Amino acid sequence: MDRWNGKVAVVTGASSGIGAEIAKDLAKAGMITIGLARRVERVEQLKQQLPKEAANRLHAMKCDVSIETDIERTFQRIADTYGGVDVLVNNAGIVRQNNLLDLGTAADLRAVLDTNVTGLVLCSQWAYKSMVDRKVDGHIVHISSIAGHSVPNFPKLNIYPGTKHAVRAITETMRHEMRDAGTKIKVTSVSPGAVKTEILDGVPIPEGMPLLEAEDISAAVLYAIGTPPHVQVHELIIKPVGEVM
């Protein structure tokens, strides 16, 4: 992680769960870390869990990644204030609990697609432009899901698995584009199994189902971005021991 000391990391969906752990760990690792979230006050509260030096490196910005103008405004502010983006972690993601074939769910479909797919791509576009303009060999990380590698037989996931399959294809498309452009920018997809976070609130979890912790995923992100410049971890699948999916 020495090469990233003092560099700028942006984490979307940083108010809780996986995003919060990643934001804290990047700040502790020496990066100037910008935590984006709709609940920006919760990102500010994360500073209380950090040593003073790391807390001073964590900064909160309000941003809804499902809104294009929010993304544009936020990344311009990051460029003006901090110079640009060296590492982007696309963590923001949502799920809506209803059946895919239920009528009257169009708003939920759009919300999940706008956050999990379109928002991820738009944030990546701005981060990539920042890296290319400044000739930085940066790194983009997508927090995906094992639902992007199969379709779990789990009720009311709706379009969520479809969005994560899209992220898998998007990651590969980005890798091709980065290579063809002659850059050394990396892209990584991290696909966890079930993680004990707020996204599972209200989801009927079977008793005794093994779960990962948010810090397990954060450790994987730090490993991926900490590899030598010639090494690209393209896909990481992480499951808790005993998971049946």
C-alpha atoms as a PDB file:
ATOM      1  CA  MET A   1       0.000   0.000   0.000  1.00  0.00           C
ATOM      2  CA  ASP A   2       3.039   2.307   0.149  1.00  0.00           C
ATOM      3  CA  ARG A   3       2.462   3.534  -3.417  1.00  0.00           C
ATOM      4  CA  TRP A   4      -0.939   4.921  -2.388  1.00  0.00           C
ATOM      5  CA  ASN A   5       0.257   6.864   0.639  1.00  0.00           C
ATOM      6  CA  GLY A   6      -1.140  10.394   0.363  1.00  0.00           C
ATOM      7  CA  LYS A   7      -3.125   9.539  -2.771  1.00  0.00           C
ATOM      8  CA  VAL A   8      -6.872  10.072  -3.139  1.00  0.00           C
ATOM      9  CA  ALA A   9      -9.430   7.284  -2.792  1.00  0.00           C
ATOM     10  CA  VAL A  10     -13.170   7.663  -3.375  1.00  0.00           C
ATOM     11  CA  VAL A  11     -15.624   5.167  -1.875  1.00  0.00           C
ATOM     12  CA  THR A  12     -19.293   5.223  -2.850  1.00  0.00           C
ATOM     13  CA  GLY A  13     -21.944   4.068  -0.391  1.00  0.00           C
ATOM     14  CA  ALA A  14     -19.596   4.780   2.505  1.00  0.00           C
ATOM     15  CA  SER A  15     -22.206   5.374   5.201  1.00  0.00           C
ATOM     16  CA  SER A  16     -22.448   1.785   6.457  1.00  0.00           C
ATOM     17  CA  GLY A  17     -21.440  -1.830   5.995  1.00  0.00           C
ATOM     18  CA  ILE A  18     -18.771  -2.708   3.468  1.00  0.00           C
ATOM     19  CA  GLY A  19     -18.312   0.863   2.253  1.00  0.00           C
ATOM     20  CA  ALA A  20     -17.781   2.186   5.766  1.00  0.00           C
ATOM     21  CA  GLU A  21     -15.141  -0.447   6.521  1.00  0.00           C
ATOM     22  CA  ILE A  22     -13.330   0.223   3.239  1.00  0.00           C
ATOM     23  CA  ALA A  23     -13.332   3.990   3.842  1.00  0.00           C
ATOM     24  CA  LYS A  24     -11.905   3.550   7.346  1.00  0.00           C
ATOM     25  CA  ASP A  25      -9.248   1.073   6.221  1.00  0.00           C
ATOM     26  CA  LEU A  26      -8.092   3.229   3.305  1.00  0.00           C
ATOM     27  CA  ALA A  27      -7.757   6.222   5.624  1.00  0.00           C
ATOM     28  CA  LYS A  28      -5.785   4.115   8.105  1.00  0.00           C
ATOM     29  CA  ALA A  29      -3.579   2.948   5.216  1.00  0.00           C
ATOM     30  CA  GLY A  30      -2.554   6.550   4.499  1.00  0.00           C
ATOM     31  CA  MET A  31      -4.924   7.527   1.694  1.00  0.00           C
ATOM     32  CA  ILE A  32      -6.912  10.749   1.543  1.00  0.00           C
ATOM     33  CA  THR A  33     -10.313   9.089   1.524  1.00  0.00           C
ATOM     34  CA  ILE A  34     -13.548  10.651   0.266  1.00  0.00           C
ATOM     35  CA  GLY A  35     -16.614   8.796   1.480  1.00  0.00           C
ATOM     36  CA  LEU A  36     -19.661   9.429  -0.709  1.00  0.00           C
ATOM     37  CA  ALA A  37     -23.145   8.766   0.643  1.00  0.00           C
ATOM     38  CA  ARG A  38     -26.665  10.104   0.802  1.00  0.00           C
ATOM     39  CA  ARG A  39     -26.452   9.885   4.620  1.00  0.00           C
ATOM     40  CA  VAL A  40     -23.332  12.006   4.767  1.00  0.00           C
ATOM     41  CA  GLU A  41     -23.568  12.511   8.539  1.00  0.00           C
ATOM     42  CA  ARG A  42     -22.918   8.798   9.034  1.00  0.00           C
ATOM     43  CA  VAL A  43     -19.641   9.064   7.140  1.00  0.00           C
ATOM     44  CA  GLU A  44     -18.649  11.941   9.422  1.00  0.00           C
ATOM     45  CA  GLN A  45     -19.377   9.721  12.423  1.00  0.00           C
ATOM     46  CA  LEU A  46     -16.883   7.134  11.161  1.00  0.00           C
ATOM     47  CA  LYS A  47     -14.077   9.483  12.181  1.00  0.00           C
ATOM     48  CA  GLN A  48     -14.859   8.670  15.811  1.00  0.00           C
ATOM     49  CA  GLN A  49     -13.754   5.086  15.149  1.00  0.00           C
ATOM     50  CA  LEU A  50     -10.360   6.089  13.776  1.00  0.00           C
ATOM     51  CA  PRO A  51      -7.066   7.289  15.241  1.00  0.00           C
ATOM     52  CA  LYS A  52      -6.766  11.065  14.937  1.00  0.00           C
ATOM     53  CA  GLU A  53      -4.296  11.013  12.026  1.00  0.00           C
ATOM     54  CA  ALA A  54      -6.491   8.638  10.011  1.00  0.00           C
ATOM     55  CA  ALA A  55      -9.640  10.561  10.942  1.00  0.00           C
ATOM     56  CA  ASN A  56      -8.087  13.709   9.470  1.00  0.00           C
ATOM     57  CA  ARG A  57      -7.710  11.876   6.150  1.00  0.00           C
ATOM     58  CA  LEU A  58     -11.390  10.838   5.941  1.00  0.00           C
ATOM     59  CA  HIS A  59     -13.743  13.339   4.309  1.00  0.00           C
ATOM     60  CA  ALA A  60     -17.481  13.014   3.710  1.00  0.00           C
ATOM     61  CA  MET A  61     -19.332  14.251   0.640  1.00  0.00           C
ATOM     62  CA  LYS A  62     -23.042  13.986  -0.002  1.00  0.00           C
ATOM     63  CA  CYS A  63     -23.762  12.181  -3.263  1.00  0.00           C
ATOM     64  CA  ASP A  64     -26.574  10.025  -4.620  1.00  0.00           C
ATOM     65  CA  VAL A  65     -24.984   7.881  -7.328  1.00  0.00           C
ATOM     66  CA  SER A  66     -28.381   7.218  -8.909  1.00  0.00           C
ATOM     67  CA  ILE A  67     -28.484  10.892  -9.975  1.00  0.00           C
ATOM     68  CA  GLU A  68     -26.165  11.857 -12.840  1.00  0.00           C
ATOM     69  CA  THR A  69     -25.929  15.530 -11.913  1.00  0.00           C
ATOM     70  CA  ASP A  70     -24.965  14.570  -8.352  1.00  0.00           C
ATOM     71  CA  ILE A  71     -22.102  12.455  -9.678  1.00  0.00           C
ATOM     72  CA  GLU A  72     -20.842  15.190 -12.016  1.00  0.00           C
ATOM     73  CA  ARG A  73     -20.983  17.842  -9.288  1.00  0.00           C
ATOM     74  CA  THR A  74     -19.253  15.611  -6.742  1.00  0.00           C
ATOM     75  CA  PHE A  75     -16.377  14.478  -8.933  1.00  0.00           C
ATOM     76  CA  GLN A  76     -15.777  18.051 -10.071  1.00  0.00           C
ATOM     77  CA  ARG A  77     -15.633  19.088  -6.424  1.00  0.00           C
ATOM     78  CA  ILE A  78     -13.156  16.290  -5.697  1.00  0.00           C
ATOM     79  CA  ALA A  79     -10.965  17.463  -8.589  1.00  0.00           C
ATOM     80  CA  ASP A  80     -11.094  21.073  -7.420  1.00  0.00           C
ATOM     81  CA  THR A  81     -10.436  20.256  -3.759  1.00  0.00           C
ATOM     82  CA  TYR A  82      -8.133  17.233  -3.826  1.00  0.00           C
ATOM     83  CA  GLY A  83      -6.704  17.223  -7.354  1.00  0.00           C
ATOM     84  CA  GLY A  84      -8.369  14.083  -8.673  1.00  0.00           C
ATOM     85  CA  VAL A  85      -9.024  10.404  -8.072  1.00  0.00           C
ATOM     86  CA  ASP A  86      -6.365   7.697  -7.787  1.00  0.00           C
ATOM     87  CA  VAL A  87      -8.528   4.836  -6.480  1.00  0.00           C
ATOM     88  CA  LEU A  88     -12.291   4.445  -6.882  1.00  0.00           C
ATOM     89  CA  VAL A  89     -14.273   1.836  -4.968  1.00  0.00           C
ATOM     90  CA  ASN A  90     -17.769   1.450  -6.407  1.00  0.00           C
ATOM     91  CA  ASN A  91     -19.508   0.025  -3.371  1.00  0.00           C
ATOM     92  CA  ALA A  92     -22.963   1.668  -3.489  1.00  0.00           C
ATOM     93  CA  GLY A  93     -25.681  -0.884  -4.133  1.00  0.00           C
ATOM     94  CA  ILE A  94     -29.291  -1.515  -3.231  1.00  0.00           C
ATOM     95  CA  VAL A  95     -31.861  -4.314  -3.432  1.00  0.00           C
ATOM     96  CA  ARG A  96     -35.658  -4.086  -3.568  1.00  0.00           C
ATOM     97  CA  GLN A  97     -37.604  -7.049  -2.227  1.00  0.00           C
ATOM     98  CA  ASN A  98     -40.315  -8.053  -4.665  1.00  0.00           C
ATOM     99  CA  ASN A  99     -40.763 -10.547  -7.471  1.00  0.00           C
ATOM    100  CA  LEU A 100     -39.383  -9.718 -10.893  1.00  0.00           C
ATOM    101  CA  LEU A 101     -42.715 -10.547 -12.544  1.00  0.00           C
ATOM    102  CA  ASP A 102     -44.835  -8.465 -10.158  1.00  0.00           C
ATOM    103  CA  LEU A 103     -46.656  -5.573 -11.781  1.00  0.00           C
ATOM    104  CA  GLY A 104     -46.190  -2.087 -10.419  1.00  0.00           C
ATOM    105  CA  THR A 105     -42.499  -2.372  -9.554  1.00  0.00           C
ATOM    106  CA  ALA A 106     -41.062  -0.121 -12.273  1.00  0.00           C
ATOM    107  CA  ALA A 107     -39.816   2.472  -9.785  1.00  0.00           C
ATOM    108  CA  ASP A 108     -37.944  -0.197  -7.834  1.00  0.00           C
ATOM    109  CA  LEU A 109     -36.430  -1.618 -11.024  1.00  0.00           C
ATOM    110  CA  ARG A 110     -35.144   1.801 -12.062  1.00  0.00           C
ATOM    111  CA  ALA A 111     -33.765   2.551  -8.588  1.00  0.00           C
ATOM    112  CA  VAL A 112     -31.738  -0.662  -8.489  1.00  0.00           C
ATOM    113  CA  LEU A 113     -30.487  -0.293 -12.064  1.00  0.00           C
ATOM    114  CA  ASP A 114     -29.621   3.380 -11.603  1.00  0.00           C
ATOM    115  CA  THR A 115     -27.608   2.664  -8.455  1.00  0.00           C
ATOM    116  CA  ASN A 116     -26.041  -0.741  -9.135  1.00  0.00           C
ATOM    117  CA  VAL A 117     -25.269  -0.343 -12.843  1.00  0.00           C
ATOM    118  CA  THR A 118     -25.588   3.167 -14.272  1.00  0.00           C
ATOM    119  CA  GLY A 119     -24.181   4.907 -11.198  1.00  0.00           C
ATOM    120  CA  LEU A 120     -21.243   2.501 -11.106  1.00  0.00           C
ATOM    121  CA  VAL A 121     -20.418   3.213 -14.755  1.00  0.00           C
ATOM    122  CA  LEU A 122     -20.788   6.991 -14.455  1.00  0.00           C
ATOM    123  CA  CYS A 123     -18.561   7.158 -11.361  1.00  0.00           C
ATOM    124  CA  SER A 124     -16.012   5.017 -13.201  1.00  0.00           C
ATOM    125  CA  GLN A 125     -16.096   7.365 -16.191  1.00  0.00           C
ATOM    126  CA  TRP A 126     -15.236  10.374 -14.047  1.00  0.00           C
ATOM    127  CA  ALA A 127     -12.536   8.539 -12.098  1.00  0.00           C
ATOM    128  CA  TYR A 128     -11.000   7.139 -15.293  1.00  0.00           C
ATOM    129  CA  LYS A 129     -10.927  10.597 -16.889  1.00  0.00           C
ATOM    130  CA  SER A 130      -9.162  11.942 -13.806  1.00  0.00           C
ATOM    131  CA  MET A 131      -6.569   9.167 -13.955  1.00  0.00           C
ATOM    132  CA  VAL A 132      -5.927   9.553 -17.686  1.00  0.00           C
ATOM    133  CA  ASP A 133      -5.768  13.361 -17.574  1.00  0.00           C
ATOM    134  CA  ARG A 134      -3.179  13.229 -14.772  1.00  0.00           C
ATOM    135  CA  LYS A 135      -1.328  10.189 -16.224  1.00  0.00           C
ATOM    136  CA  VAL A 136      -1.999   8.181 -13.057  1.00  0.00           C
ATOM    137  CA  ASP A 137      -1.952   4.383 -13.066  1.00  0.00           C
ATOM    138  CA  GLY A 138      -5.001   4.215 -10.838  1.00  0.00           C
ATOM    139  CA  HIS A 139      -7.338   1.440  -9.780  1.00  0.00           C
ATOM    140  CA  ILE A 140     -11.125   1.006 -10.007  1.00  0.00           C
ATOM    141  CA  VAL A 141     -12.765  -1.593  -7.771  1.00  0.00           C
ATOM    142  CA  HIS A 142     -16.358  -2.782  -8.098  1.00  0.00           C
ATOM    143  CA  ILE A 143     -18.033  -4.420  -5.104  1.00  0.00           C
ATOM    144  CA  SER A 144     -20.208  -6.962  -6.872  1.00  0.00           C
ATOM    145  CA  SER A 145     -21.714 -10.221  -5.581  1.00  0.00           C
ATOM    146  CA  ILE A 146     -21.702 -13.959  -6.095  1.00  0.00           C
ATOM    147  CA  ALA A 147     -25.176 -13.272  -7.498  1.00  0.00           C
ATOM    148  CA  GLY A 148     -23.247 -12.058 -10.549  1.00  0.00           C
ATOM    149  CA  HIS A 149     -21.834 -15.541 -11.123  1.00  0.00           C
ATOM    150  CA  SER A 150     -25.041 -17.532 -10.716  1.00  0.00           C
ATOM    151  CA  VAL A 151     -28.646 -16.794  -9.801  1.00  0.00           C
ATOM    152  CA  PRO A 152     -29.323 -17.814  -6.199  1.00  0.00           C
ATOM    153  CA  ASN A 153     -32.622 -19.565  -5.551  1.00  0.00           C
ATOM    154  CA  PHE A 154     -33.524 -16.941  -2.999  1.00  0.00           C
ATOM    155  CA  PRO A 155     -36.927 -15.200  -2.848  1.00  0.00           C
ATOM    156  CA  LYS A 156     -37.607 -11.655  -4.000  1.00  0.00           C
ATOM    157  CA  LEU A 157     -34.136 -10.679  -5.218  1.00  0.00           C
ATOM    158  CA  ASN A 158     -35.871  -9.233  -8.276  1.00  0.00           C
ATOM    159  CA  ILE A 159     -33.410  -7.626 -10.719  1.00  0.00           C
ATOM    160  CA  TYR A 160     -30.504  -7.577  -8.247  1.00  0.00           C
ATOM    161  CA  PRO A 161     -28.744 -10.678  -9.699  1.00  0.00           C
ATOM    162  CA  GLY A 162     -29.181  -9.189 -13.173  1.00  0.00           C
ATOM    163  CA  THR A 163     -27.400  -6.011 -12.095  1.00  0.00           C
ATOM    164  CA  LYS A 164     -24.492  -8.004 -10.684  1.00  0.00           C
ATOM    165  CA  HIS A 165     -24.190 -10.056 -13.869  1.00  0.00           C
ATOM    166  CA  ALA A 166     -24.032  -6.703 -15.634  1.00  0.00           C
ATOM    167  CA  VAL A 167     -21.199  -5.583 -13.335  1.00  0.00           C
ATOM    168  CA  ARG A 168     -19.258  -8.712 -14.268  1.00  0.00           C
ATOM    169  CA  ALA A 169     -19.556  -7.872 -17.982  1.00  0.00           C
ATOM    170  CA  ILE A 170     -18.848  -4.190 -17.324  1.00  0.00           C
ATOM    171  CA  THR A 171     -15.631  -5.081 -15.469  1.00  0.00           C
ATOM    172  CA  GLU A 172     -14.391  -7.089 -18.439  1.00  0.00           C
ATOM    173  CA  THR A 173     -15.385  -4.356 -20.883  1.00  0.00           C
ATOM    174  CA  MET A 174     -13.471  -1.796 -18.845  1.00  0.00           C
ATOM    175  CA  ARG A 175     -10.386  -4.015 -18.761  1.00  0.00           C
ATOM    176  CA  HIS A 176     -10.447  -4.266 -22.567  1.00  0.00           C
ATOM    177  CA  GLU A 177     -10.904  -0.507 -22.970  1.00  0.00           C
ATOM    178  CA  MET A 178      -8.111   0.313 -20.487  1.00  0.00           C
ATOM    179  CA  ARG A 179      -5.729  -2.066 -22.262  1.00  0.00           C
ATOM    180  CA  ASP A 180      -6.642  -0.857 -25.741  1.00  0.00           C
ATOM    181  CA  ALA A 181      -6.095   2.752 -24.625  1.00  0.00           C
ATOM    182  CA  GLY A 182      -2.553   1.846 -23.589  1.00  0.00           C
ATOM    183  CA  THR A 183      -3.081   2.630 -19.900  1.00  0.00           C
ATOM    184  CA  LYS A 184      -1.827   0.722 -16.876  1.00  0.00           C
ATOM    185  CA  ILE A 185      -5.014   1.470 -14.946  1.00  0.00           C
ATOM    186  CA  LYS A 186      -6.433  -1.594 -13.210  1.00  0.00           C
ATOM    187  CA  VAL A 187      -9.996  -2.762 -12.656  1.00  0.00           C
ATOM    188  CA  THR A 188     -11.088  -5.361 -10.122  1.00  0.00           C
ATOM    189  CA  SER A 189     -14.425  -6.913  -9.256  1.00  0.00           C
ATOM    190  CA  VAL A 190     -14.903  -8.275  -5.728  1.00  0.00           C
ATOM    191  CA  SER A 191     -17.824 -10.686  -5.417  1.00  0.00           C
ATOM    192  CA  PRO A 192     -18.783 -11.532  -1.838  1.00  0.00           C
ATOM    193  CA  GLY A 193     -21.271 -14.072  -0.660  1.00  0.00           C
ATOM    194  CA  ALA A 194     -23.710 -13.025   2.036  1.00  0.00           C
ATOM    195  CA  VAL A 195     -22.290 -10.263   4.241  1.00  0.00           C
ATOM    196  CA  LYS A 196     -23.676  -9.138   7.605  1.00  0.00           C
ATOM    197  CA  THR A 197     -24.724  -5.596   6.636  1.00  0.00           C
ATOM    198  CA  GLU A 198     -27.818  -3.402   6.520  1.00  0.00           C
ATOM    199  CA  ILE A 199     -28.670  -4.598   3.005  1.00  0.00           C
ATOM    200  CA  LEU A 200     -29.918  -7.819   4.637  1.00  0.00           C
ATOM    201  CA  ASP A 201     -32.299  -5.985   6.966  1.00  0.00           C
ATOM    202  CA  GLY A 202     -35.732  -7.510   6.474  1.00  0.00           C
ATOM    203  CA  VAL A 203     -34.399 -10.320   4.286  1.00  0.00           C
ATOM    204  CA  PRO A 204     -35.509 -13.762   5.573  1.00  0.00           C
ATOM    205  CA  ILE A 205     -32.090 -15.278   6.377  1.00  0.00           C
ATOM    206  CA  PRO A 206     -32.205 -19.014   7.213  1.00  0.00           C
ATOM    207  CA  GLU A 207     -31.169 -19.763  10.777  1.00  0.00           C
ATOM    208  CA  GLY A 208     -27.496 -20.671  11.010  1.00  0.00           C
ATOM    209  CA  MET A 209     -26.669 -19.340   7.549  1.00  0.00           C
ATOM    210  CA  PRO A 210     -22.945 -18.451   7.477  1.00  0.00           C
ATOM    211  CA  LEU A 211     -22.189 -14.788   6.844  1.00  0.00           C
ATOM    212  CA  LEU A 212     -19.098 -12.764   6.041  1.00  0.00           C
ATOM    213  CA  GLU A 213     -18.177  -9.597   7.937  1.00  0.00           C
ATOM    214  CA  ALA A 214     -17.727  -6.239   6.196  1.00  0.00           C
ATOM    215  CA  GLU A 215     -14.072  -6.165   7.246  1.00  0.00           C
ATOM    216  CA  ASP A 216     -13.478  -9.389   5.277  1.00  0.00           C
ATOM    217  CA  ILE A 217     -14.378  -7.566   2.076  1.00  0.00           C
ATOM    218  CA  SER A 218     -12.369  -4.496   2.990  1.00  0.00           C
ATOM    219  CA  ALA A 219      -9.293  -6.681   3.509  1.00  0.00           C
ATOM    220  CA  ALA A 220      -9.788  -8.088   0.008  1.00  0.00           C
ATOM    221  CA  VAL A 221      -9.965  -4.597  -1.494  1.00  0.00           C
ATOM    222  CA  LEU A 222      -6.738  -3.567   0.227  1.00  0.00           C
ATOM    223  CA  TYR A 223      -5.070  -6.730  -1.044  1.00  0.00           C
ATOM    224  CA  ALA A 224      -6.199  -6.094  -4.631  1.00  0.00           C
ATOM    225  CA  ILE A 225      -5.057  -2.467  -4.780  1.00  0.00           C
ATOM    226  CA  GLY A 226      -1.859  -3.317  -2.912  1.00  0.00           C
ATOM    227  CA  THR A 227      -0.529  -5.681  -5.572  1.00  0.00           C
ATOM    228  CA  PRO A 228       2.548  -4.659  -7.628  1.00  0.00           C
ATOM    229  CA  PRO A 229       1.957  -2.495 -10.729  1.00  0.00           C
ATOM    230  CA  HIS A 230       2.298  -5.502 -13.069  1.00  0.00           C
ATOM    231  CA  VAL A 231      -0.314  -7.585 -11.207  1.00  0.00           C
ATOM    232  CA  GLN A 232      -4.050  -7.151 -11.794  1.00  0.00           C
ATOM    233  CA  VAL A 233      -6.489  -9.041  -9.591  1.00  0.00           C
ATOM    234  CA  HIS A 234      -9.402  -9.093 -12.002  1.00  0.00           C
ATOM    235  CA  GLU A 235     -11.994 -11.029  -9.998  1.00  0.00           C
ATOM    236  CA  LEU A 236     -12.200 -12.133  -6.368  1.00  0.00           C
ATOM    237  CA  ILE A 237     -14.990 -14.419  -5.162  1.00  0.00           C
ATOM    238  CA  ILE A 238     -15.284 -14.562  -1.379  1.00  0.00           C
ATOM    239  CA  LYS A 239     -17.642 -16.943   0.420  1.00  0.00           C
ATOM    240  CA  PRO A 240     -18.071 -17.774   4.086  1.00  0.00           C
ATOM    241  CA  VAL A 241     -17.152 -21.340   4.934  1.00  0.00           C
ATOM    242  CA  GLY A 242     -20.245 -23.487   4.673  1.00  0.00           C
ATOM    243  CA  GLU A 243     -22.202 -21.244   2.299  1.00  0.00           C
ATOM    244  CA  VAL A 244     -24.569 -23.248   0.074  1.00  0.00           C
ATOM    245  CA  MET A 245     -24.986 -20.703  -2.751  1.00  0.00           C
END
